[in-house]
């Protein structure tokens, strides 16, 4: 099993930068580049040599540092094919289901559109790690900007199927505390959620990150991932509704929250 050493750090206000290193091959992978300076600082502190950059989607707060980081490191940049004309500095593009070998590190590109049409979630199956960009957050999910509700639910359902419970999840933003407040408003009797919300409050009081999370934890506590469960539908008074309909109700409520 591949072991990836992970470094996570805040960029901009609430974006996360993530670096992954395979100790065997010395492959070093960055996921998204909100700000080049933070990445370069982490690389200096670790002594790691960046080899690859994986991009989840085209929004400015995920790519604005890409050009400077690529120029400074010479790393190879891979991103979604749908945004080959939107993201400068791409060397290679991927589509749903493409599998890459990055210096011995196996990674699968999972198309998870909804937030944007080009959104790619990156899964490292041998290491039990995934980065879901702005599709899946801890206790939440991304706003639906370019797709529609059915598309976004289909993407979450794909992640539910593709990612084993033990998967360590990284994502684009530190939104967990605000997500927890909404989650408790729609799922107040969920004891696992209540415990997670208390943990999140403690972590934030201590200025600590709430991420990464795990797929098992999100399946138990994230109302958007629970849209396919009978108890989530019942809580919303939607018994008999489809998971996509339950999800749409939840997402619309979160947008107004």
C-alpha atoms as a PDB file:
ATOM      1  CA  UNK A   1       0.000   0.000   0.000  1.00  0.00           C
ATOM      2  CA  UNK A   2       1.291   3.434  -0.957  1.00  0.00           C
ATOM      3  CA  UNK A   3       2.039   5.711   1.994  1.00  0.00           C
ATOM      4  CA  UNK A   4       1.553   9.394   1.300  1.00  0.00           C
ATOM      5  CA  UNK A   5       2.916  11.914   3.768  1.00  0.00           C
ATOM      6  CA  UNK A   6       0.410  14.789   3.853  1.00  0.00           C
ATOM      7  CA  UNK A   7       0.868  18.495   4.559  1.00  0.00           C
ATOM      8  CA  UNK A   8      -2.210  20.727   4.842  1.00  0.00           C
ATOM      9  CA  UNK A   9      -2.095  24.490   5.354  1.00  0.00           C
ATOM     10  CA  UNK A  10      -4.360  27.522   5.063  1.00  0.00           C
ATOM     11  CA  UNK A  11      -4.084  29.738   1.982  1.00  0.00           C
ATOM     12  CA  UNK A  12      -5.896  33.038   1.453  1.00  0.00           C
ATOM     13  CA  UNK A  13      -8.648  33.177   4.112  1.00  0.00           C
ATOM     14  CA  UNK A  14     -10.169  29.709   4.330  1.00  0.00           C
ATOM     15  CA  UNK A  15      -8.762  27.751   1.382  1.00  0.00           C
ATOM     16  CA  UNK A  16      -6.586  24.735   2.079  1.00  0.00           C
ATOM     17  CA  UNK A  17      -3.369  23.923   0.325  1.00  0.00           C
ATOM     18  CA  UNK A  18      -2.396  20.243   0.276  1.00  0.00           C
ATOM     19  CA  UNK A  19       0.928  18.572  -0.475  1.00  0.00           C
ATOM     20  CA  UNK A  20       1.345  14.806  -0.750  1.00  0.00           C
ATOM     21  CA  UNK A  21       4.683  12.983  -0.834  1.00  0.00           C
ATOM     22  CA  UNK A  22       5.350   9.343  -1.656  1.00  0.00           C
ATOM     23  CA  UNK A  23       8.421   8.455   0.372  1.00  0.00           C
ATOM     24  CA  UNK A  24       9.313   5.547  -1.902  1.00  0.00           C
ATOM     25  CA  UNK A  25       9.381   7.422  -5.200  1.00  0.00           C
ATOM     26  CA  UNK A  26       9.873  10.971  -3.865  1.00  0.00           C
ATOM     27  CA  UNK A  27       6.916  12.080  -5.976  1.00  0.00           C
ATOM     28  CA  UNK A  28       5.454  15.289  -4.498  1.00  0.00           C
ATOM     29  CA  UNK A  29       1.966  16.374  -5.540  1.00  0.00           C
ATOM     30  CA  UNK A  30       0.173  19.662  -4.890  1.00  0.00           C
ATOM     31  CA  UNK A  31      -3.597  19.830  -5.154  1.00  0.00           C
ATOM     32  CA  UNK A  32      -4.903  23.225  -6.286  1.00  0.00           C
ATOM     33  CA  UNK A  33      -2.865  26.405  -5.838  1.00  0.00           C
ATOM     34  CA  UNK A  34      -4.837  29.179  -4.108  1.00  0.00           C
ATOM     35  CA  UNK A  35      -1.575  31.010  -3.420  1.00  0.00           C
ATOM     36  CA  UNK A  36       1.924  30.147  -4.610  1.00  0.00           C
ATOM     37  CA  UNK A  37       3.752  31.752  -1.678  1.00  0.00           C
ATOM     38  CA  UNK A  38       2.281  29.370   0.885  1.00  0.00           C
ATOM     39  CA  UNK A  39       3.218  26.350  -1.217  1.00  0.00           C
ATOM     40  CA  UNK A  40       6.747  27.591  -1.747  1.00  0.00           C
ATOM     41  CA  UNK A  41       7.134  28.173   1.972  1.00  0.00           C
ATOM     42  CA  UNK A  42       5.980  24.616   2.755  1.00  0.00           C
ATOM     43  CA  UNK A  43       8.346  23.226   0.126  1.00  0.00           C
ATOM     44  CA  UNK A  44      11.247  25.162   1.610  1.00  0.00           C
ATOM     45  CA  UNK A  45      10.435  23.980   5.141  1.00  0.00           C
ATOM     46  CA  UNK A  46      10.165  20.324   4.121  1.00  0.00           C
ATOM     47  CA  UNK A  47      12.877  20.253   1.490  1.00  0.00           C
ATOM     48  CA  UNK A  48      10.411  18.516  -0.830  1.00  0.00           C
ATOM     49  CA  UNK A  49      10.775  18.920  -4.612  1.00  0.00           C
ATOM     50  CA  UNK A  50       7.394  19.416  -6.282  1.00  0.00           C
ATOM     51  CA  UNK A  51       6.831  17.114  -9.253  1.00  0.00           C
ATOM     52  CA  UNK A  52       3.097  17.406 -10.055  1.00  0.00           C
ATOM     53  CA  UNK A  53       0.108  19.696  -9.548  1.00  0.00           C
ATOM     54  CA  UNK A  54      -3.461  18.401  -9.747  1.00  0.00           C
ATOM     55  CA  UNK A  55      -6.261  20.930 -10.261  1.00  0.00           C
ATOM     56  CA  UNK A  56      -9.854  20.277  -9.159  1.00  0.00           C
ATOM     57  CA  UNK A  57     -11.656  23.112 -10.982  1.00  0.00           C
ATOM     58  CA  UNK A  58     -11.197  26.490 -12.582  1.00  0.00           C
ATOM     59  CA  UNK A  59     -12.365  28.901  -9.854  1.00  0.00           C
ATOM     60  CA  UNK A  60      -9.815  31.632  -9.198  1.00  0.00           C
ATOM     61  CA  UNK A  61      -9.276  30.726  -5.546  1.00  0.00           C
ATOM     62  CA  UNK A  62      -8.018  27.292  -6.611  1.00  0.00           C
ATOM     63  CA  UNK A  63      -5.732  28.293  -9.485  1.00  0.00           C
ATOM     64  CA  UNK A  64      -4.551  31.876  -9.054  1.00  0.00           C
ATOM     65  CA  UNK A  65      -1.135  30.776  -7.764  1.00  0.00           C
ATOM     66  CA  UNK A  66      -0.622  28.099 -10.403  1.00  0.00           C
ATOM     67  CA  UNK A  67       1.541  30.030 -12.848  1.00  0.00           C
ATOM     68  CA  UNK A  68       3.977  31.237 -10.206  1.00  0.00           C
ATOM     69  CA  UNK A  69       4.271  27.798  -8.587  1.00  0.00           C
ATOM     70  CA  UNK A  70       4.863  26.089 -11.923  1.00  0.00           C
ATOM     71  CA  UNK A  71       7.499  28.642 -12.896  1.00  0.00           C
ATOM     72  CA  UNK A  72       9.303  28.227  -9.580  1.00  0.00           C
ATOM     73  CA  UNK A  73       9.274  24.418  -9.521  1.00  0.00           C
ATOM     74  CA  UNK A  74       8.831  23.132 -13.067  1.00  0.00           C
ATOM     75  CA  UNK A  75       6.097  20.788 -11.838  1.00  0.00           C
ATOM     76  CA  UNK A  76       3.813  19.102 -14.360  1.00  0.00           C
ATOM     77  CA  UNK A  77       0.219  20.377 -14.138  1.00  0.00           C
ATOM     78  CA  UNK A  78      -2.816  18.168 -14.743  1.00  0.00           C
ATOM     79  CA  UNK A  79      -6.425  19.351 -14.693  1.00  0.00           C
ATOM     80  CA  UNK A  80      -9.920  18.828 -16.077  1.00  0.00           C
ATOM     81  CA  UNK A  81     -10.322  18.546 -19.837  1.00  0.00           C
ATOM     82  CA  UNK A  82     -13.451  20.705 -19.718  1.00  0.00           C
ATOM     83  CA  UNK A  83     -11.316  23.659 -18.638  1.00  0.00           C
ATOM     84  CA  UNK A  84      -8.345  23.249 -20.925  1.00  0.00           C
ATOM     85  CA  UNK A  85      -9.114  26.766 -22.269  1.00  0.00           C
ATOM     86  CA  UNK A  86      -9.854  28.298 -18.851  1.00  0.00           C
ATOM     87  CA  UNK A  87      -6.833  27.228 -16.813  1.00  0.00           C
ATOM     88  CA  UNK A  88      -3.473  28.454 -18.080  1.00  0.00           C
ATOM     89  CA  UNK A  89      -0.394  26.295 -17.602  1.00  0.00           C
ATOM     90  CA  UNK A  90      -2.075  22.882 -17.937  1.00  0.00           C
ATOM     91  CA  UNK A  91       0.294  20.271 -19.340  1.00  0.00           C
ATOM     92  CA  UNK A  92      -2.174  17.366 -19.388  1.00  0.00           C
ATOM     93  CA  UNK A  93      -5.930  17.033 -19.007  1.00  0.00           C
ATOM     94  CA  UNK A  94      -8.146  14.250 -17.690  1.00  0.00           C
ATOM     95  CA  UNK A  95     -11.713  13.082 -18.012  1.00  0.00           C
ATOM     96  CA  UNK A  96     -13.882  10.960 -15.742  1.00  0.00           C
ATOM     97  CA  UNK A  97     -12.319   7.618 -14.864  1.00  0.00           C
ATOM     98  CA  UNK A  98      -8.842   8.381 -16.179  1.00  0.00           C
ATOM     99  CA  UNK A  99      -6.100   6.696 -14.161  1.00  0.00           C
ATOM    100  CA  UNK A 100      -2.665   8.211 -13.851  1.00  0.00           C
ATOM    101  CA  UNK A 101       0.667   6.905 -12.636  1.00  0.00           C
ATOM    102  CA  UNK A 102       2.561   9.834 -11.135  1.00  0.00           C
ATOM    103  CA  UNK A 103       5.996   8.441 -10.473  1.00  0.00           C
ATOM    104  CA  UNK A 104       4.561   5.296  -8.967  1.00  0.00           C
ATOM    105  CA  UNK A 105       1.586   6.973  -7.282  1.00  0.00           C
ATOM    106  CA  UNK A 106      -1.737   5.770  -8.708  1.00  0.00           C
ATOM    107  CA  UNK A 107      -4.505   8.366  -8.888  1.00  0.00           C
ATOM    108  CA  UNK A 108      -7.998   8.226 -10.396  1.00  0.00           C
ATOM    109  CA  UNK A 109      -9.843  11.252 -11.749  1.00  0.00           C
ATOM    110  CA  UNK A 110     -13.513  11.246 -10.728  1.00  0.00           C
ATOM    111  CA  UNK A 111     -15.720  13.779 -12.481  1.00  0.00           C
ATOM    112  CA  UNK A 112     -17.956  15.283  -9.786  1.00  0.00           C
ATOM    113  CA  UNK A 113     -19.705  18.214 -11.477  1.00  0.00           C
ATOM    114  CA  UNK A 114     -22.338  20.462  -9.961  1.00  0.00           C
ATOM    115  CA  UNK A 115     -20.391  23.184  -8.205  1.00  0.00           C
ATOM    116  CA  UNK A 116     -18.695  23.657 -11.571  1.00  0.00           C
ATOM    117  CA  UNK A 117     -19.021  21.580 -14.703  1.00  0.00           C
ATOM    118  CA  UNK A 118     -15.311  20.754 -14.776  1.00  0.00           C
ATOM    119  CA  UNK A 119     -14.875  19.651 -11.136  1.00  0.00           C
ATOM    120  CA  UNK A 120     -12.566  16.661 -10.680  1.00  0.00           C
ATOM    121  CA  UNK A 121     -12.167  14.790  -7.386  1.00  0.00           C
ATOM    122  CA  UNK A 122      -8.810  13.031  -7.084  1.00  0.00           C
ATOM    123  CA  UNK A 123      -8.665   9.565  -5.505  1.00  0.00           C
ATOM    124  CA  UNK A 124      -5.445   7.863  -4.422  1.00  0.00           C
ATOM    125  CA  UNK A 125      -6.823   4.348  -3.870  1.00  0.00           C
ATOM    126  CA  UNK A 126      -3.565   2.703  -2.795  1.00  0.00           C
ATOM    127  CA  UNK A 127      -3.061   5.335  -0.099  1.00  0.00           C
ATOM    128  CA  UNK A 128      -6.683   5.597   1.024  1.00  0.00           C
ATOM    129  CA  UNK A 129      -6.762   9.350   0.367  1.00  0.00           C
ATOM    130  CA  UNK A 130      -9.023  11.588  -1.740  1.00  0.00           C
ATOM    131  CA  UNK A 131      -9.376  15.296  -2.438  1.00  0.00           C
ATOM    132  CA  UNK A 132     -12.929  16.327  -3.288  1.00  0.00           C
ATOM    133  CA  UNK A 133     -12.298  19.968  -4.165  1.00  0.00           C
ATOM    134  CA  UNK A 134     -15.479  21.991  -3.675  1.00  0.00           C
ATOM    135  CA  UNK A 135     -17.874  19.073  -4.230  1.00  0.00           C
ATOM    136  CA  UNK A 136     -17.845  17.474  -0.781  1.00  0.00           C
ATOM    137  CA  UNK A 137     -16.947  19.346   2.390  1.00  0.00           C
ATOM    138  CA  UNK A 138     -16.956  18.104   5.943  1.00  0.00           C
ATOM    139  CA  UNK A 139     -20.636  18.264   7.018  1.00  0.00           C
ATOM    140  CA  UNK A 140     -21.515  20.003   3.761  1.00  0.00           C
ATOM    141  CA  UNK A 141     -21.179  20.264   0.012  1.00  0.00           C
ATOM    142  CA  UNK A 142     -20.427  22.991  -2.487  1.00  0.00           C
ATOM    143  CA  UNK A 143     -22.936  25.472  -3.818  1.00  0.00           C
ATOM    144  CA  UNK A 144     -24.417  24.502  -7.161  1.00  0.00           C
ATOM    145  CA  UNK A 145     -23.173  27.191  -9.529  1.00  0.00           C
ATOM    146  CA  UNK A 146     -22.766  25.695 -13.003  1.00  0.00           C
ATOM    147  CA  UNK A 147     -24.673  22.418 -12.787  1.00  0.00           C
ATOM    148  CA  UNK A 148     -28.038  21.589 -11.315  1.00  0.00           C
ATOM    149  CA  UNK A 149     -29.256  19.832  -8.189  1.00  0.00           C
ATOM    150  CA  UNK A 150     -29.627  16.447  -9.868  1.00  0.00           C
ATOM    151  CA  UNK A 151     -26.068  16.681 -11.197  1.00  0.00           C
ATOM    152  CA  UNK A 152     -24.678  17.577  -7.789  1.00  0.00           C
ATOM    153  CA  UNK A 153     -26.508  14.716  -6.095  1.00  0.00           C
ATOM    154  CA  UNK A 154     -25.222  12.303  -8.748  1.00  0.00           C
ATOM    155  CA  UNK A 155     -21.681  13.473  -7.966  1.00  0.00           C
ATOM    156  CA  UNK A 156     -22.123  12.923  -4.233  1.00  0.00           C
ATOM    157  CA  UNK A 157     -23.655   9.512  -4.915  1.00  0.00           C
ATOM    158  CA  UNK A 158     -20.608   8.676  -7.053  1.00  0.00           C
ATOM    159  CA  UNK A 159     -18.290   9.547  -4.171  1.00  0.00           C
ATOM    160  CA  UNK A 160     -20.396   7.434  -1.810  1.00  0.00           C
ATOM    161  CA  UNK A 161     -19.920   4.475  -4.118  1.00  0.00           C
ATOM    162  CA  UNK A 162     -16.306   5.060  -5.130  1.00  0.00           C
ATOM    163  CA  UNK A 163     -14.647   5.950  -1.828  1.00  0.00           C
ATOM    164  CA  UNK A 164     -14.337   3.282   0.898  1.00  0.00           C
ATOM    165  CA  UNK A 165     -15.216   4.226   4.472  1.00  0.00           C
ATOM    166  CA  UNK A 166     -11.556   4.404   5.514  1.00  0.00           C
ATOM    167  CA  UNK A 167     -10.751   7.053   2.893  1.00  0.00           C
ATOM    168  CA  UNK A 168      -9.123  10.178   4.326  1.00  0.00           C
ATOM    169  CA  UNK A 169     -10.853  13.192   2.772  1.00  0.00           C
ATOM    170  CA  UNK A 170      -9.279  16.540   2.014  1.00  0.00           C
ATOM    171  CA  UNK A 171     -11.267  19.355   0.437  1.00  0.00           C
ATOM    172  CA  UNK A 172     -10.952  22.959  -0.637  1.00  0.00           C
ATOM    173  CA  UNK A 173     -12.140  25.002   2.347  1.00  0.00           C
ATOM    174  CA  UNK A 174     -12.425  25.253   6.124  1.00  0.00           C
ATOM    175  CA  UNK A 175     -16.216  25.539   6.248  1.00  0.00           C
ATOM    176  CA  UNK A 176     -16.957  22.839   8.823  1.00  0.00           C
ATOM    177  CA  UNK A 177     -18.172  24.970  11.717  1.00  0.00           C
ATOM    178  CA  UNK A 178     -20.769  26.838   9.661  1.00  0.00           C
ATOM    179  CA  UNK A 179     -21.746  23.572   7.964  1.00  0.00           C
ATOM    180  CA  UNK A 180     -22.263  22.018  11.401  1.00  0.00           C
ATOM    181  CA  UNK A 181     -24.737  24.721  12.396  1.00  0.00           C
ATOM    182  CA  UNK A 182     -26.854  24.015   9.345  1.00  0.00           C
ATOM    183  CA  UNK A 183     -26.539  20.239   9.714  1.00  0.00           C
ATOM    184  CA  UNK A 184     -27.824  20.410  13.303  1.00  0.00           C
ATOM    185  CA  UNK A 185     -30.783  22.520  12.171  1.00  0.00           C
ATOM    186  CA  UNK A 186     -32.005  19.761   9.840  1.00  0.00           C
ATOM    187  CA  UNK A 187     -30.759  16.667  11.686  1.00  0.00           C
ATOM    188  CA  UNK A 188     -30.862  17.585  15.408  1.00  0.00           C
ATOM    189  CA  UNK A 189     -31.350  14.034  16.723  1.00  0.00           C
ATOM    190  CA  UNK A 190     -28.236  12.645  15.052  1.00  0.00           C
ATOM    191  CA  UNK A 191     -25.946  11.825  17.986  1.00  0.00           C
ATOM    192  CA  UNK A 192     -22.889  11.287  15.784  1.00  0.00           C
ATOM    193  CA  UNK A 193     -23.470  14.734  14.290  1.00  0.00           C
ATOM    194  CA  UNK A 194     -23.844  16.338  17.715  1.00  0.00           C
ATOM    195  CA  UNK A 195     -20.529  14.830  18.836  1.00  0.00           C
ATOM    196  CA  UNK A 196     -18.829  15.956  15.640  1.00  0.00           C
ATOM    197  CA  UNK A 197     -20.189  19.499  16.016  1.00  0.00           C
ATOM    198  CA  UNK A 198     -18.823  19.673  19.567  1.00  0.00           C
ATOM    199  CA  UNK A 199     -15.442  18.443  18.339  1.00  0.00           C
ATOM    200  CA  UNK A 200     -15.463  21.048  15.565  1.00  0.00           C
ATOM    201  CA  UNK A 201     -16.223  23.861  18.019  1.00  0.00           C
ATOM    202  CA  UNK A 202     -13.335  22.742  20.225  1.00  0.00           C
ATOM    203  CA  UNK A 203     -10.918  22.553  17.308  1.00  0.00           C
ATOM    204  CA  UNK A 204     -11.850  26.000  16.042  1.00  0.00           C
ATOM    205  CA  UNK A 205     -11.591  27.526  19.518  1.00  0.00           C
ATOM    206  CA  UNK A 206      -8.022  26.226  19.552  1.00  0.00           C
ATOM    207  CA  UNK A 207      -7.432  27.532  15.998  1.00  0.00           C
ATOM    208  CA  UNK A 208      -6.946  23.992  14.719  1.00  0.00           C
ATOM    209  CA  UNK A 209      -8.186  22.549  11.401  1.00  0.00           C
ATOM    210  CA  UNK A 210     -11.294  20.376  11.260  1.00  0.00           C
ATOM    211  CA  UNK A 211      -9.900  18.550   8.238  1.00  0.00           C
ATOM    212  CA  UNK A 212      -9.128  16.030   6.977  1.00  0.00           C
ATOM    213  CA  UNK A 213     -12.199  13.958   7.702  1.00  0.00           C
ATOM    214  CA  UNK A 214     -13.064  10.394   6.677  1.00  0.00           C
ATOM    215  CA  UNK A 215     -15.718   8.959   4.431  1.00  0.00           C
ATOM    216  CA  UNK A 216     -17.152   6.952   7.333  1.00  0.00           C
ATOM    217  CA  UNK A 217     -17.506  10.080   9.452  1.00  0.00           C
ATOM    218  CA  UNK A 218     -19.177  12.011   6.640  1.00  0.00           C
ATOM    219  CA  UNK A 219     -21.608   9.193   5.887  1.00  0.00           C
ATOM    220  CA  UNK A 220     -22.711   9.279   9.520  1.00  0.00           C
ATOM    221  CA  UNK A 221     -22.924  13.044   9.971  1.00  0.00           C
ATOM    222  CA  UNK A 222     -23.166  14.934   6.664  1.00  0.00           C
ATOM    223  CA  UNK A 223     -26.840  15.598   5.842  1.00  0.00           C
ATOM    224  CA  UNK A 224     -26.131  15.891   2.128  1.00  0.00           C
ATOM    225  CA  UNK A 225     -24.597  12.415   1.997  1.00  0.00           C
ATOM    226  CA  UNK A 226     -27.541  11.122   4.074  1.00  0.00           C
ATOM    227  CA  UNK A 227     -30.079  12.253   1.461  1.00  0.00           C
ATOM    228  CA  UNK A 228     -30.541   8.636   0.367  1.00  0.00           C
ATOM    229  CA  UNK A 229     -31.416   7.415   3.869  1.00  0.00           C
ATOM    230  CA  UNK A 230     -34.970   6.862   5.029  1.00  0.00           C
ATOM    231  CA  UNK A 231     -34.394   8.721   8.289  1.00  0.00           C
ATOM    232  CA  UNK A 232     -33.132  11.889   6.548  1.00  0.00           C
ATOM    233  CA  UNK A 233     -36.182  11.886   4.292  1.00  0.00           C
ATOM    234  CA  UNK A 234     -38.433  11.378   7.312  1.00  0.00           C
ATOM    235  CA  UNK A 235     -36.842  14.254   9.232  1.00  0.00           C
ATOM    236  CA  UNK A 236     -37.689  16.549   6.311  1.00  0.00           C
ATOM    237  CA  UNK A 237     -41.213  15.163   5.951  1.00  0.00           C
ATOM    238  CA  UNK A 238     -40.262  13.704   2.577  1.00  0.00           C
ATOM    239  CA  UNK A 239     -40.816   9.970   3.104  1.00  0.00           C
ATOM    240  CA  UNK A 240     -41.043   8.308  -0.294  1.00  0.00           C
ATOM    241  CA  UNK A 241     -39.141  11.085  -2.088  1.00  0.00           C
ATOM    242  CA  UNK A 242     -36.122  10.261  -4.204  1.00  0.00           C
ATOM    243  CA  UNK A 243     -32.625  10.934  -2.848  1.00  0.00           C
ATOM    244  CA  UNK A 244     -32.181  13.654  -5.485  1.00  0.00           C
ATOM    245  CA  UNK A 245     -35.356  15.384  -4.254  1.00  0.00           C
ATOM    246  CA  UNK A 246     -34.206  15.188  -0.633  1.00  0.00           C
ATOM    247  CA  UNK A 247     -30.815  16.556  -1.597  1.00  0.00           C
ATOM    248  CA  UNK A 248     -32.376  19.429  -3.530  1.00  0.00           C
ATOM    249  CA  UNK A 249     -34.474  20.384  -0.500  1.00  0.00           C
ATOM    250  CA  UNK A 250     -31.393  20.318   1.731  1.00  0.00           C
ATOM    251  CA  UNK A 251     -29.253  22.345  -0.659  1.00  0.00           C
ATOM    252  CA  UNK A 252     -31.958  24.966  -1.125  1.00  0.00           C
ATOM    253  CA  UNK A 253     -32.339  25.234   2.648  1.00  0.00           C
ATOM    254  CA  UNK A 254     -28.579  25.637   3.078  1.00  0.00           C
ATOM    255  CA  UNK A 255     -28.548  28.397   0.460  1.00  0.00           C
ATOM    256  CA  UNK A 256     -31.090  30.312   2.584  1.00  0.00           C
ATOM    257  CA  UNK A 257     -29.512  29.478   5.945  1.00  0.00           C
END
